[in-house]
């Protein structure tokens, strides 16, 4: 899952949701894309967000899989996914990659898309 944390009031964040929507269509069902726009302070604290936009790859940790490097985060986040369906990120999630700032679409696709896994 790729999560974009963005705010509507910050210039560098403005194009990021459009980039996420375009890439989400390209990625199809391989990767779920989630936009957390204008999140409250509790969500920012849970994900340790200091700059926006921030792109985060989260995976559900599997005890039987080969351990992957990353940070395990205990989350309690609810919202709406890009598909309009309810979204609940609860429990332990493994953060395997993070980037901040306004990044070109090809960088996000390379680092967070199916080939970047």
PDB file of N, CA and C in Angstrom:
ATOM      1  N   UNK A   1       0.838  -1.159   0.000  1.00  0.00           N
ATOM      2  CA  UNK A   1       0.000   0.000   0.000  1.00  0.00           C
ATOM      3  C   UNK A   1       0.895   1.237   0.000  1.00  0.00           C
ATOM      4  N   UNK A   2       0.531   2.228  -0.808  1.00  0.00           N
ATOM      5  CA  UNK A   2       1.243   3.495  -0.824  1.00  0.00           C
ATOM      6  C   UNK A   2       0.316   4.546  -0.235  1.00  0.00           C
ATOM      7  N   UNK A   3       0.807   5.245   0.774  1.00  0.00           N
ATOM      8  CA  UNK A   3       0.026   6.279   1.448  1.00  0.00           C
ATOM      9  C   UNK A   3       0.686   7.624   1.180  1.00  0.00           C
ATOM     10  N   UNK A   4      -0.122   8.578   0.751  1.00  0.00           N
ATOM     11  CA  UNK A   4       0.332   9.947   0.561  1.00  0.00           C
ATOM     12  C   UNK A   4      -0.304  10.805   1.639  1.00  0.00           C
ATOM     13  N   UNK A   5       0.531  11.495   2.401  1.00  0.00           N
ATOM     14  CA  UNK A   5       0.052  12.434   3.405  1.00  0.00           C
ATOM     15  C   UNK A   5       0.277  13.819   2.817  1.00  0.00           C
ATOM     16  N   UNK A   6      -0.818  14.550   2.642  1.00  0.00           N
ATOM     17  CA  UNK A   6      -0.772  15.828   1.952  1.00  0.00           C
ATOM     18  C   UNK A   6      -1.694  16.822   2.649  1.00  0.00           C
ATOM     19  N   UNK A   7      -1.467  18.104   2.397  1.00  0.00           N
ATOM     20  CA  UNK A   7      -2.346  19.150   2.912  1.00  0.00           C
ATOM     21  C   UNK A   7      -2.704  20.097   1.772  1.00  0.00           C
ATOM     22  N   UNK A   8      -3.906  20.611   1.806  1.00  0.00           N
ATOM     23  CA  UNK A   8      -4.388  21.455   0.718  1.00  0.00           C
ATOM     24  C   UNK A   8      -3.768  22.841   0.732  1.00  0.00           C
ATOM     25  N   UNK A   9      -3.262  23.285   1.877  1.00  0.00           N
ATOM     26  CA  UNK A   9      -2.770  24.654   2.003  1.00  0.00           C
ATOM     27  C   UNK A   9      -1.293  24.820   1.648  1.00  0.00           C
ATOM     28  N   UNK A  10      -0.557  23.762   1.398  1.00  0.00           N
ATOM     29  CA  UNK A  10       0.883  23.861   1.127  1.00  0.00           C
ATOM     30  C   UNK A  10       1.151  23.694  -0.372  1.00  0.00           C
ATOM     31  N   UNK A  11       1.844  24.648  -0.948  1.00  0.00           N
ATOM     32  CA  UNK A  11       2.155  24.623  -2.372  1.00  0.00           C
ATOM     33  C   UNK A  11       2.775  23.328  -2.865  1.00  0.00           C
ATOM     34  N   UNK A  12       3.837  22.808  -2.206  1.00  0.00           N
ATOM     35  CA  UNK A  12       4.455  21.568  -2.690  1.00  0.00           C
ATOM     36  C   UNK A  12       3.518  20.352  -2.660  1.00  0.00           C
ATOM     37  N   UNK A  13       2.469  20.415  -1.835  1.00  0.00           N
ATOM     38  CA  UNK A  13       1.535  19.292  -1.727  1.00  0.00           C
ATOM     39  C   UNK A  13       0.472  19.300  -2.815  1.00  0.00           C
ATOM     40  N   UNK A  14       0.236  20.429  -3.438  1.00  0.00           N
ATOM     41  CA  UNK A  14      -0.910  20.544  -4.359  1.00  0.00           C
ATOM     42  C   UNK A  14      -0.896  19.538  -5.499  1.00  0.00           C
ATOM     43  N   UNK A  15       0.217  19.300  -6.212  1.00  0.00           N
ATOM     44  CA  UNK A  15       0.169  18.337  -7.322  1.00  0.00           C
ATOM     45  C   UNK A  15       0.216  16.870  -6.868  1.00  0.00           C
ATOM     46  N   UNK A  16       0.620  16.603  -5.648  1.00  0.00           N
ATOM     47  CA  UNK A  16       0.837  15.223  -5.203  1.00  0.00           C
ATOM     48  C   UNK A  16      -0.415  14.341  -5.292  1.00  0.00           C
ATOM     49  N   UNK A  17      -1.615  14.794  -4.886  1.00  0.00           N
ATOM     50  CA  UNK A  17      -2.791  13.916  -5.023  1.00  0.00           C
ATOM     51  C   UNK A  17      -3.091  13.542  -6.468  1.00  0.00           C
ATOM     52  N   UNK A  18      -2.869  14.462  -7.399  1.00  0.00           N
ATOM     53  CA  UNK A  18      -3.091  14.157  -8.812  1.00  0.00           C
ATOM     54  C   UNK A  18      -2.100  13.091  -9.283  1.00  0.00           C
ATOM     55  N   UNK A  19      -0.852  13.215  -8.865  1.00  0.00           N
ATOM     56  CA  UNK A  19       0.160  12.207  -9.204  1.00  0.00           C
ATOM     57  C   UNK A  19      -0.254  10.850  -8.644  1.00  0.00           C
ATOM     58  N   UNK A  20      -0.707  10.830  -7.405  1.00  0.00           N
ATOM     59  CA  UNK A  20      -1.130   9.566  -6.793  1.00  0.00           C
ATOM     60  C   UNK A  20      -2.297   8.951  -7.559  1.00  0.00           C
ATOM     61  N   UNK A  21      -3.285   9.750  -7.944  1.00  0.00           N
ATOM     62  CA  UNK A  21      -4.435   9.220  -8.687  1.00  0.00           C
ATOM     63  C   UNK A  21      -4.002   8.629 -10.035  1.00  0.00           C
ATOM     64  N   UNK A  22      -3.121   9.335 -10.745  1.00  0.00           N
ATOM     65  CA  UNK A  22      -2.647   8.832 -12.039  1.00  0.00           C
ATOM     66  C   UNK A  22      -1.876   7.522 -11.880  1.00  0.00           C
ATOM     67  N   UNK A  23      -1.002   7.471 -10.902  1.00  0.00           N
ATOM     68  CA  UNK A  23      -0.231   6.243 -10.678  1.00  0.00           C
ATOM     69  C   UNK A  23      -1.120   5.108 -10.190  1.00  0.00           C
ATOM     70  N   UNK A  24      -2.103   5.422  -9.383  1.00  0.00           N
ATOM     71  CA  UNK A  24      -3.027   4.397  -8.896  1.00  0.00           C
ATOM     72  C   UNK A  24      -3.733   3.709 -10.063  1.00  0.00           C
ATOM     73  N   UNK A  25      -4.133   4.480 -11.061  1.00  0.00           N
ATOM     74  CA  UNK A  25      -4.761   3.876 -12.252  1.00  0.00           C
ATOM     75  C   UNK A  25      -3.763   2.983 -12.989  1.00  0.00           C
ATOM     76  N   UNK A  26      -2.511   3.421 -13.072  1.00  0.00           N
ATOM     77  CA  UNK A  26      -1.475   2.637 -13.760  1.00  0.00           C
ATOM     78  C   UNK A  26      -1.172   1.349 -12.986  1.00  0.00           C
ATOM     79  N   UNK A  27      -1.088   1.444 -11.674  1.00  0.00           N
ATOM     80  CA  UNK A  27      -0.745   0.285 -10.851  1.00  0.00           C
ATOM     81  C   UNK A  27      -1.880  -0.727 -10.771  1.00  0.00           C
ATOM     82  N   UNK A  28      -3.102  -0.285 -10.942  1.00  0.00           N
ATOM     83  CA  UNK A  28      -4.246  -1.193 -10.868  1.00  0.00           C
ATOM     84  C   UNK A  28      -4.389  -1.816  -9.491  1.00  0.00           C
ATOM     85  N   UNK A  29      -4.612  -3.105  -9.473  1.00  0.00           N
ATOM     86  CA  UNK A  29      -4.830  -3.817  -8.208  1.00  0.00           C
ATOM     87  C   UNK A  29      -3.541  -4.272  -7.538  1.00  0.00           C
ATOM     88  N   UNK A  30      -2.411  -4.033  -8.203  1.00  0.00           N
ATOM     89  CA  UNK A  30      -1.141  -4.481  -7.634  1.00  0.00           C
ATOM     90  C   UNK A  30      -0.796  -3.745  -6.339  1.00  0.00           C
ATOM     91  N   UNK A  31      -1.138  -2.458  -6.305  1.00  0.00           N
ATOM     92  CA  UNK A  31      -0.810  -1.633  -5.138  1.00  0.00           C
ATOM     93  C   UNK A  31      -2.007  -0.763  -4.816  1.00  0.00           C
ATOM     94  N   UNK A  32      -2.420  -0.769  -3.564  1.00  0.00           N
ATOM     95  CA  UNK A  32      -3.508   0.107  -3.125  1.00  0.00           C
ATOM     96  C   UNK A  32      -2.926   1.472  -2.808  1.00  0.00           C
ATOM     97  N   UNK A  33      -3.551   2.519  -3.329  1.00  0.00           N
ATOM     98  CA  UNK A  33      -3.113   3.892  -3.095  1.00  0.00           C
ATOM     99  C   UNK A  33      -4.091   4.563  -2.145  1.00  0.00           C
ATOM    100  N   UNK A  34      -3.536   5.247  -1.150  1.00  0.00           N
ATOM    101  CA  UNK A  34      -4.343   5.900  -0.127  1.00  0.00           C
ATOM    102  C   UNK A  34      -3.894   7.343   0.006  1.00  0.00           C
ATOM    103  N   UNK A  35      -4.861   8.263  -0.008  1.00  0.00           N
ATOM    104  CA  UNK A  35      -4.586   9.680   0.188  1.00  0.00           C
ATOM    105  C   UNK A  35      -5.116  10.098   1.547  1.00  0.00           C
ATOM    106  N   UNK A  36      -4.236  10.582   2.401  1.00  0.00           N
ATOM    107  CA  UNK A  36      -4.631  11.171   3.675  1.00  0.00           C
ATOM    108  C   UNK A  36      -4.405  12.672   3.530  1.00  0.00           C
ATOM    109  N   UNK A  37      -5.487  13.381   3.174  1.00  0.00           N
ATOM    110  CA  UNK A  37      -5.377  14.810   2.925  1.00  0.00           C
ATOM    111  C   UNK A  37      -5.882  15.581   4.133  1.00  0.00           C
ATOM    112  N   UNK A  38      -5.101  16.562   4.552  1.00  0.00           N
ATOM    113  CA  UNK A  38      -5.407  17.376   5.731  1.00  0.00           C
ATOM    114  C   UNK A  38      -5.684  16.516   6.968  1.00  0.00           C
ATOM    115  N   UNK A  39      -4.790  15.560   7.269  1.00  0.00           N
ATOM    116  CA  UNK A  39      -5.019  14.687   8.431  1.00  0.00           C
ATOM    117  C   UNK A  39      -4.887  15.468   9.740  1.00  0.00           C
ATOM    118  N   UNK A  40      -5.513  14.931  10.774  1.00  0.00           N
ATOM    119  CA  UNK A  40      -5.397  15.590  12.083  1.00  0.00           C
ATOM    120  C   UNK A  40      -4.044  15.271  12.712  1.00  0.00           C
ATOM    121  N   UNK A  41      -3.739  15.958  13.785  1.00  0.00           N
ATOM    122  CA  UNK A  41      -2.439  15.814  14.441  1.00  0.00           C
ATOM    123  C   UNK A  41      -2.176  14.391  14.922  1.00  0.00           C
ATOM    124  N   UNK A  42      -3.205  13.680  15.323  1.00  0.00           N
ATOM    125  CA  UNK A  42      -3.035  12.311  15.808  1.00  0.00           C
ATOM    126  C   UNK A  42      -2.481  11.401  14.698  1.00  0.00           C
ATOM    127  N   UNK A  43      -3.009  11.555  13.485  1.00  0.00           N
ATOM    128  CA  UNK A  43      -2.528  10.766  12.353  1.00  0.00           C
ATOM    129  C   UNK A  43      -1.084  11.139  12.035  1.00  0.00           C
ATOM    130  N   UNK A  44      -0.786  12.435  12.044  1.00  0.00           N
ATOM    131  CA  UNK A  44       0.584  12.886  11.784  1.00  0.00           C
ATOM    132  C   UNK A  44       1.552  12.316  12.814  1.00  0.00           C
ATOM    133  N   UNK A  45       1.125  12.265  14.064  1.00  0.00           N
ATOM    134  CA  UNK A  45       1.972  11.699  15.123  1.00  0.00           C
ATOM    135  C   UNK A  45       2.182  10.194  14.931  1.00  0.00           C
ATOM    136  N   UNK A  46       1.122   9.475  14.590  1.00  0.00           N
ATOM    137  CA  UNK A  46       1.233   8.027  14.414  1.00  0.00           C
ATOM    138  C   UNK A  46       2.223   7.671  13.306  1.00  0.00           C
ATOM    139  N   UNK A  47       2.210   8.462  12.238  1.00  0.00           N
ATOM    140  CA  UNK A  47       3.086   8.187  11.100  1.00  0.00           C
ATOM    141  C   UNK A  47       4.399   8.967  11.161  1.00  0.00           C
ATOM    142  N   UNK A  48       4.569   9.762  12.218  1.00  0.00           N
ATOM    143  CA  UNK A  48       5.771  10.586  12.416  1.00  0.00           C
ATOM    144  C   UNK A  48       6.047  11.470  11.195  1.00  0.00           C
ATOM    145  N   UNK A  49       5.030  12.219  10.796  1.00  0.00           N
ATOM    146  CA  UNK A  49       5.123  13.113   9.642  1.00  0.00           C
ATOM    147  C   UNK A  49       5.607  14.479  10.101  1.00  0.00           C
ATOM    148  N   UNK A  50       6.687  14.951   9.488  1.00  0.00           N
ATOM    149  CA  UNK A  50       7.229  16.273   9.801  1.00  0.00           C
ATOM    150  C   UNK A  50       7.142  17.215   8.608  1.00  0.00           C
ATOM    151  N   UNK A  51       7.149  16.677   7.394  1.00  0.00           N
ATOM    152  CA  UNK A  51       7.081  17.471   6.177  1.00  0.00           C
ATOM    153  C   UNK A  51       5.992  16.919   5.267  1.00  0.00           C
ATOM    154  N   UNK A  52       5.387  17.803   4.483  1.00  0.00           N
ATOM    155  CA  UNK A  52       4.392  17.362   3.509  1.00  0.00           C
ATOM    156  C   UNK A  52       4.779  17.888   2.139  1.00  0.00           C
ATOM    157  N   UNK A  53       4.474  17.146   1.111  1.00  0.00           N
ATOM    158  CA  UNK A  53       3.869  15.824   1.146  1.00  0.00           C
ATOM    159  C   UNK A  53       4.872  14.756   1.568  1.00  0.00           C
ATOM    160  N   UNK A  54       4.359  13.680   2.135  1.00  0.00           N
ATOM    161  CA  UNK A  54       5.172  12.521   2.484  1.00  0.00           C
ATOM    162  C   UNK A  54       4.532  11.286   1.862  1.00  0.00           C
ATOM    163  N   UNK A  55       5.361  10.503   1.214  1.00  0.00           N
ATOM    164  CA  UNK A  55       4.948   9.244   0.577  1.00  0.00           C
ATOM    165  C   UNK A  55       5.478   8.101   1.441  1.00  0.00           C
ATOM    166  N   UNK A  56       4.609   7.135   1.784  1.00  0.00           N
ATOM    167  CA  UNK A  56       4.990   6.031   2.658  1.00  0.00           C
ATOM    168  C   UNK A  56       4.483   4.722   2.055  1.00  0.00           C
ATOM    169  N   UNK A  57       5.349   3.706   2.018  1.00  0.00           N
ATOM    170  CA  UNK A  57       4.912   2.360   1.634  1.00  0.00           C
ATOM    171  C   UNK A  57       4.705   1.561   2.910  1.00  0.00           C
ATOM    172  N   UNK A  58       3.506   1.027   3.060  1.00  0.00           N
ATOM    173  CA  UNK A  58       3.166   0.201   4.216  1.00  0.00           C
ATOM    174  C   UNK A  58       2.794  -1.193   3.744  1.00  0.00           C
ATOM    175  N   UNK A  59       3.213  -2.172   4.504  1.00  0.00           N
ATOM    176  CA  UNK A  59       2.863  -3.564   4.228  1.00  0.00           C
ATOM    177  C   UNK A  59       2.371  -4.197   5.524  1.00  0.00           C
ATOM    178  N   UNK A  60       1.437  -5.103   5.395  1.00  0.00           N
ATOM    179  CA  UNK A  60       1.000  -5.860   6.559  1.00  0.00           C
ATOM    180  C   UNK A  60       2.097  -6.862   6.886  1.00  0.00           C
ATOM    181  N   UNK A  61       2.626  -6.830   8.106  1.00  0.00           N
ATOM    182  CA  UNK A  61       3.696  -7.785   8.431  1.00  0.00           C
ATOM    183  C   UNK A  61       3.141  -9.208   8.506  1.00  0.00           C
ATOM    184  N   UNK A  62       3.902 -10.140   7.954  1.00  0.00           N
ATOM    185  CA  UNK A  62       3.505 -11.550   7.971  1.00  0.00           C
ATOM    186  C   UNK A  62       4.533 -12.316   8.796  1.00  0.00           C
ATOM    187  N   UNK A  63       4.069 -13.017   9.800  1.00  0.00           N
ATOM    188  CA  UNK A  63       4.991 -13.726  10.687  1.00  0.00           C
ATOM    189  C   UNK A  63       5.691 -14.887   9.982  1.00  0.00           C
ATOM    190  N   UNK A  64       5.066 -15.451   8.934  1.00  0.00           N
ATOM    191  CA  UNK A  64       5.666 -16.607   8.269  1.00  0.00           C
ATOM    192  C   UNK A  64       6.556 -16.209   7.088  1.00  0.00           C
ATOM    193  N   UNK A  65       6.608 -14.938   6.763  1.00  0.00           N
ATOM    194  CA  UNK A  65       7.405 -14.481   5.621  1.00  0.00           C
ATOM    195  C   UNK A  65       8.824 -14.151   6.064  1.00  0.00           C
ATOM    196  N   UNK A  66       9.690 -14.019   5.090  1.00  0.00           N
ATOM    197  CA  UNK A  66      11.056 -13.592   5.369  1.00  0.00           C
ATOM    198  C   UNK A  66      10.987 -12.157   5.883  1.00  0.00           C
ATOM    199  N   UNK A  67      11.609 -11.877   7.022  1.00  0.00           N
ATOM    200  CA  UNK A  67      11.522 -10.519   7.572  1.00  0.00           C
ATOM    201  C   UNK A  67      12.082  -9.489   6.599  1.00  0.00           C
ATOM    202  N   UNK A  68      11.367  -8.360   6.472  1.00  0.00           N
ATOM    203  CA  UNK A  68      11.807  -7.263   5.624  1.00  0.00           C
ATOM    204  C   UNK A  68      12.253  -6.121   6.516  1.00  0.00           C
ATOM    205  N   UNK A  69      13.258  -5.376   6.088  1.00  0.00           N
ATOM    206  CA  UNK A  69      13.676  -4.230   6.885  1.00  0.00           C
ATOM    207  C   UNK A  69      12.598  -3.150   6.857  1.00  0.00           C
ATOM    208  N   UNK A  70      12.485  -2.458   7.947  1.00  0.00           N
ATOM    209  CA  UNK A  70      11.507  -1.370   8.022  1.00  0.00           C
ATOM    210  C   UNK A  70      11.127  -1.103   9.456  1.00  0.00           C
ATOM    211  N   UNK A  71      10.204  -0.195   9.619  1.00  0.00           N
ATOM    212  CA  UNK A  71       9.729   0.209  10.937  1.00  0.00           C
ATOM    213  C   UNK A  71       8.309  -0.287  11.121  1.00  0.00           C
ATOM    214  N   UNK A  72       8.047  -0.992  12.201  1.00  0.00           N
ATOM    215  CA  UNK A  72       6.691  -1.441  12.487  1.00  0.00           C
ATOM    216  C   UNK A  72       5.965  -0.312  13.209  1.00  0.00           C
ATOM    217  N   UNK A  73       4.797   0.039  12.676  1.00  0.00           N
ATOM    218  CA  UNK A  73       3.987   1.099  13.261  1.00  0.00           C
ATOM    219  C   UNK A  73       2.644   0.524  13.690  1.00  0.00           C
ATOM    220  N   UNK A  74       2.220   0.880  14.890  1.00  0.00           N
ATOM    221  CA  UNK A  74       0.910   0.481  15.388  1.00  0.00           C
ATOM    222  C   UNK A  74      -0.050   1.622  15.083  1.00  0.00           C
ATOM    223  N   UNK A  75      -0.965   1.393  14.142  1.00  0.00           N
ATOM    224  CA  UNK A  75      -1.807   2.469  13.623  1.00  0.00           C
ATOM    225  C   UNK A  75      -3.270   2.303  14.009  1.00  0.00           C
ATOM    226  N   UNK A  76      -3.936   3.429  14.125  1.00  0.00           N
ATOM    227  CA  UNK A  76      -5.387   3.512  14.315  1.00  0.00           C
ATOM    228  C   UNK A  76      -5.866   4.661  13.445  1.00  0.00           C
ATOM    229  N   UNK A  77      -5.967   4.430  12.127  1.00  0.00           N
ATOM    230  CA  UNK A  77      -6.327   5.481  11.183  1.00  0.00           C
ATOM    231  C   UNK A  77      -7.539   5.023  10.384  1.00  0.00           C
ATOM    232  N   UNK A  78      -8.518   5.904  10.234  1.00  0.00           N
ATOM    233  CA  UNK A  78      -9.657   5.602   9.382  1.00  0.00           C
ATOM    234  C   UNK A  78      -9.846   6.758   8.408  1.00  0.00           C
ATOM    235  N   UNK A  79     -10.402   6.451   7.262  1.00  0.00           N
ATOM    236  CA  UNK A  79     -10.621   7.466   6.243  1.00  0.00           C
ATOM    237  C   UNK A  79     -11.270   6.847   5.029  1.00  0.00           C
ATOM    238  N   UNK A  80     -11.014   7.457   3.872  1.00  0.00           N
ATOM    239  CA  UNK A  80     -11.577   6.984   2.622  1.00  0.00           C
ATOM    240  C   UNK A  80     -10.453   6.808   1.622  1.00  0.00           C
ATOM    241  N   UNK A  81     -10.415   5.672   0.954  1.00  0.00           N
ATOM    242  CA  UNK A  81      -9.406   5.410  -0.059  1.00  0.00           C
ATOM    243  C   UNK A  81      -9.712   6.150  -1.348  1.00  0.00           C
ATOM    244  N   UNK A  82      -8.796   6.128  -2.299  1.00  0.00           N
ATOM    245  CA  UNK A  82      -9.018   6.788  -3.582  1.00  0.00           C
ATOM    246  C   UNK A  82     -10.218   6.206  -4.318  1.00  0.00           C
ATOM    247  N   UNK A  83     -10.550   4.946  -4.016  1.00  0.00           N
ATOM    248  CA  UNK A  83     -11.683   4.298  -4.662  1.00  0.00           C
ATOM    249  C   UNK A  83     -13.011   4.670  -4.015  1.00  0.00           C
ATOM    250  N   UNK A  84     -12.980   5.541  -2.998  1.00  0.00           N
ATOM    251  CA  UNK A  84     -14.198   5.976  -2.327  1.00  0.00           C
ATOM    252  C   UNK A  84     -14.671   5.028  -1.246  1.00  0.00           C
ATOM    253  N   UNK A  85     -13.978   3.929  -1.056  1.00  0.00           N
ATOM    254  CA  UNK A  85     -14.376   2.959  -0.042  1.00  0.00           C
ATOM    255  C   UNK A  85     -13.731   3.284   1.293  1.00  0.00           C
ATOM    256  N   UNK A  86     -14.371   2.857   2.364  1.00  0.00           N
ATOM    257  CA  UNK A  86     -13.848   3.075   3.701  1.00  0.00           C
ATOM    258  C   UNK A  86     -12.491   2.431   3.877  1.00  0.00           C
ATOM    259  N   UNK A  87     -11.671   3.087   4.633  1.00  0.00           N
ATOM    260  CA  UNK A  87     -10.299   2.634   4.831  1.00  0.00           C
ATOM    261  C   UNK A  87     -10.009   2.620   6.322  1.00  0.00           C
ATOM    262  N   UNK A  88      -9.471   1.505   6.792  1.00  0.00           N
ATOM    263  CA  UNK A  88      -9.095   1.395   8.192  1.00  0.00           C
ATOM    264  C   UNK A  88      -7.708   0.788   8.266  1.00  0.00           C
ATOM    265  N   UNK A  89      -6.755   1.569   8.722  1.00  0.00           N
ATOM    266  CA  UNK A  89      -5.397   1.074   8.941  1.00  0.00           C
ATOM    267  C   UNK A  89      -5.256   0.893  10.445  1.00  0.00           C
ATOM    268  N   UNK A  90      -5.498  -0.306  10.889  1.00  0.00           N
ATOM    269  CA  UNK A  90      -5.407  -0.574  12.318  1.00  0.00           C
ATOM    270  C   UNK A  90      -4.425  -1.709  12.549  1.00  0.00           C
ATOM    271  N   UNK A  91      -3.810  -1.672  13.702  1.00  0.00           N
ATOM    272  CA  UNK A  91      -2.865  -2.714  14.067  1.00  0.00           C
ATOM    273  C   UNK A  91      -1.473  -2.421  13.559  1.00  0.00           C
ATOM    274  N   UNK A  92      -0.671  -3.461  13.479  1.00  0.00           N
ATOM    275  CA  UNK A  92       0.736  -3.326  13.092  1.00  0.00           C
ATOM    276  C   UNK A  92       0.882  -3.288  11.577  1.00  0.00           C
ATOM    277  N   UNK A  93       1.645  -2.311  11.086  1.00  0.00           N
ATOM    278  CA  UNK A  93       1.988  -2.174   9.668  1.00  0.00           C
ATOM    279  C   UNK A  93       3.477  -1.950   9.575  1.00  0.00           C
ATOM    280  N   UNK A  94       4.079  -2.517   8.551  1.00  0.00           N
ATOM    281  CA  UNK A  94       5.512  -2.379   8.339  1.00  0.00           C
ATOM    282  C   UNK A  94       5.755  -1.270   7.319  1.00  0.00           C
ATOM    283  N   UNK A  95       6.457  -0.219   7.730  1.00  0.00           N
ATOM    284  CA  UNK A  95       6.835   0.849   6.810  1.00  0.00           C
ATOM    285  C   UNK A  95       8.156   0.457   6.167  1.00  0.00           C
ATOM    286  N   UNK A  96       8.135   0.264   4.832  1.00  0.00           N
ATOM    287  CA  UNK A  96       9.328  -0.209   4.139  1.00  0.00           C
ATOM    288  C   UNK A  96      10.016   0.872   3.313  1.00  0.00           C
ATOM    289  N   UNK A  97       9.336   2.002   3.086  1.00  0.00           N
ATOM    290  CA  UNK A  97       9.964   3.073   2.310  1.00  0.00           C
ATOM    291  C   UNK A  97       9.240   4.382   2.583  1.00  0.00           C
ATOM    292  N   UNK A  98       9.990   5.504   2.535  1.00  0.00           N
ATOM    293  CA  UNK A  98       9.429   6.830   2.790  1.00  0.00           C
ATOM    294  C   UNK A  98      10.222   7.865   2.015  1.00  0.00           C
ATOM    295  N   UNK A  99       9.511   8.838   1.439  1.00  0.00           N
ATOM    296  CA  UNK A  99      10.129   9.997   0.790  1.00  0.00           C
ATOM    297  C   UNK A  99       9.281  11.218   1.109  1.00  0.00           C
ATOM    298  N   UNK A 100       9.900  12.368   1.204  1.00  0.00           N
ATOM    299  CA  UNK A 100       9.170  13.599   1.457  1.00  0.00           C
ATOM    300  C   UNK A 100       9.446  14.597   0.339  1.00  0.00           C
ATOM    301  N   UNK A 101       8.524  15.532   0.198  1.00  0.00           N
ATOM    302  CA  UNK A 101       8.693  16.612  -0.758  1.00  0.00           C
ATOM    303  C   UNK A 101       7.967  16.361  -2.061  1.00  0.00           C
ATOM    304  N   UNK A 102       7.951  17.398  -2.877  1.00  0.00           N
ATOM    305  CA  UNK A 102       7.329  17.317  -4.202  1.00  0.00           C
ATOM    306  C   UNK A 102       8.272  16.537  -5.117  1.00  0.00           C
ATOM    307  N   UNK A 103       7.855  15.368  -5.517  1.00  0.00           N
ATOM    308  CA  UNK A 103       8.692  14.490  -6.335  1.00  0.00           C
ATOM    309  C   UNK A 103       8.045  14.257  -7.694  1.00  0.00           C
ATOM    310  N   UNK A 104       8.856  14.115  -8.740  1.00  0.00           N
ATOM    311  CA  UNK A 104       8.297  13.821 -10.059  1.00  0.00           C
ATOM    312  C   UNK A 104       7.588  12.464 -10.079  1.00  0.00           C
ATOM    313  N   UNK A 105       6.609  12.357 -10.959  1.00  0.00           N
ATOM    314  CA  UNK A 105       5.811  11.131 -11.055  1.00  0.00           C
ATOM    315  C   UNK A 105       6.679   9.910 -11.321  1.00  0.00           C
ATOM    316  N   UNK A 106       7.688  10.031 -12.181  1.00  0.00           N
ATOM    317  CA  UNK A 106       8.513   8.858 -12.497  1.00  0.00           C
ATOM    318  C   UNK A 106       9.311   8.379 -11.275  1.00  0.00           C
ATOM    319  N   UNK A 107       9.664   9.284 -10.381  1.00  0.00           N
ATOM    320  CA  UNK A 107      10.375   8.884  -9.160  1.00  0.00           C
ATOM    321  C   UNK A 107       9.437   8.096  -8.246  1.00  0.00           C
ATOM    322  N   UNK A 108       8.226   8.590  -8.060  1.00  0.00           N
ATOM    323  CA  UNK A 108       7.247   7.879  -7.233  1.00  0.00           C
ATOM    324  C   UNK A 108       6.944   6.513  -7.836  1.00  0.00           C
ATOM    325  N   UNK A 109       6.760   6.456  -9.151  1.00  0.00           N
ATOM    326  CA  UNK A 109       6.465   5.189  -9.813  1.00  0.00           C
ATOM    327  C   UNK A 109       7.608   4.196  -9.639  1.00  0.00           C
ATOM    328  N   UNK A 110       8.849   4.662  -9.806  1.00  0.00           N
ATOM    329  CA  UNK A 110      10.008   3.779  -9.692  1.00  0.00           C
ATOM    330  C   UNK A 110      10.188   3.272  -8.264  1.00  0.00           C
ATOM    331  N   UNK A 111      10.054   4.162  -7.288  1.00  0.00           N
ATOM    332  CA  UNK A 111      10.345   3.788  -5.904  1.00  0.00           C
ATOM    333  C   UNK A 111       9.176   3.114  -5.182  1.00  0.00           C
ATOM    334  N   UNK A 112       7.956   3.460  -5.542  1.00  0.00           N
ATOM    335  CA  UNK A 112       6.799   2.947  -4.805  1.00  0.00           C
ATOM    336  C   UNK A 112       5.917   2.009  -5.619  1.00  0.00           C
ATOM    337  N   UNK A 113       6.098   1.996  -6.927  1.00  0.00           N
ATOM    338  CA  UNK A 113       5.275   1.156  -7.799  1.00  0.00           C
ATOM    339  C   UNK A 113       5.630  -0.317  -7.697  1.00  0.00           C
ATOM    340  N   UNK A 114       4.972  -1.139  -8.473  1.00  0.00           N
ATOM    341  CA  UNK A 114       5.192  -2.593  -8.403  1.00  0.00           C
ATOM    342  C   UNK A 114       6.638  -2.999  -8.623  1.00  0.00           C
ATOM    343  N   UNK A 115       7.366  -2.272  -9.469  1.00  0.00           N
ATOM    344  CA  UNK A 115       8.773  -2.623  -9.704  1.00  0.00           C
ATOM    345  C   UNK A 115       9.657  -2.249  -8.522  1.00  0.00           C
ATOM    346  N   UNK A 116       9.191  -1.291  -7.679  1.00  0.00           N
ATOM    347  CA  UNK A 116       9.998  -0.853  -6.542  1.00  0.00           C
ATOM    348  C   UNK A 116       9.860  -1.737  -5.323  1.00  0.00           C
ATOM    349  N   UNK A 117       8.979  -2.722  -5.396  1.00  0.00           N
ATOM    350  CA  UNK A 117       8.750  -3.585  -4.232  1.00  0.00           C
ATOM    351  C   UNK A 117       9.903  -4.472  -4.025  1.00  0.00           C
TER     352      UNK A 117
END
